[in-house]
């Protein structure tokens, strides 16, 4: 199975939304034929996950459901979402899957961040308590959200520290994704060193900050006339590993040095490859080969 040279982290990828990836049999076949060590999934039916496992392919992580309802101003909606997610986690954990990905995206991102933080802490404390016996780990994806609010909670070191303290459980941690950190100007290597005990999963995605476009548009306002990149903004875009500004040797070295023993999942969001079967498969293979050589 494919793995990195530094740290020997198993390399897999996150299932996308294109037609060839929706074909579960074809997806399994592609992963097996190309030595990918595992697949990550959105909130997939338990039957699909069982099929993957029975085919001999590992499931790395599975998304929680209804992320925004877990950060709703409505207490009853949060309660129901937490209960439904707890039932889902228990059913998936019974298959041996232990890592569940989420993003703390508010239902109403226009509300004050501190208020949405409290809603998230309330719902996730309920959820973590309800699934404690399963050994499940809930990991926060650091995608900062959409303009104009960029309302997602738990993307920065300050937010992560506060959220972990509010939940008070070692069962909640981070999905380390350096692409979001680089985009926000946060040192990914320092992040690894600080949050090492909380890193339960990792994404392999890059961010390319384009100097000329940064000069033209800055990083604060949207451009008046120019269109943003797909999977990006006006002065940056997500990219496959090796095609951006993430210092991969230093990142993988830091993960190795802090004792990370988890997986490394390619998350394909790159305007140069997404949209065609040939392009997406070529990108996944190129990312695999790059990471295997780092």
Foldseek 3Di string as FASTA:
>chain_A
DFAFPQQRFQEAAEQDDDPQSVPLVSVLVLCVVQVRQAYEYELDDLVSVVVSVVVVHHYAEYEFPDLQQLLEPDPVSLQVSLVVRLVSQVSNLVVVHAEYEGWNAHPDLVDDLVSSLVSNLVSVLSNCVSNVVSNHAYAHDQQQDDPDRSRIADNDPVRVVVSCVSSVDLRYAHAQEVQRCVLVVHQSLVVCVVRVSRHAHYEQKHKAFAVVQCVVPNNRDADPPDAQDQCGGRGMHIGGPPPHDRPVVSNSNSNSVSPPHGHYYYYDGDRVQPDDPVSVSVSSSVSSVVSRHD
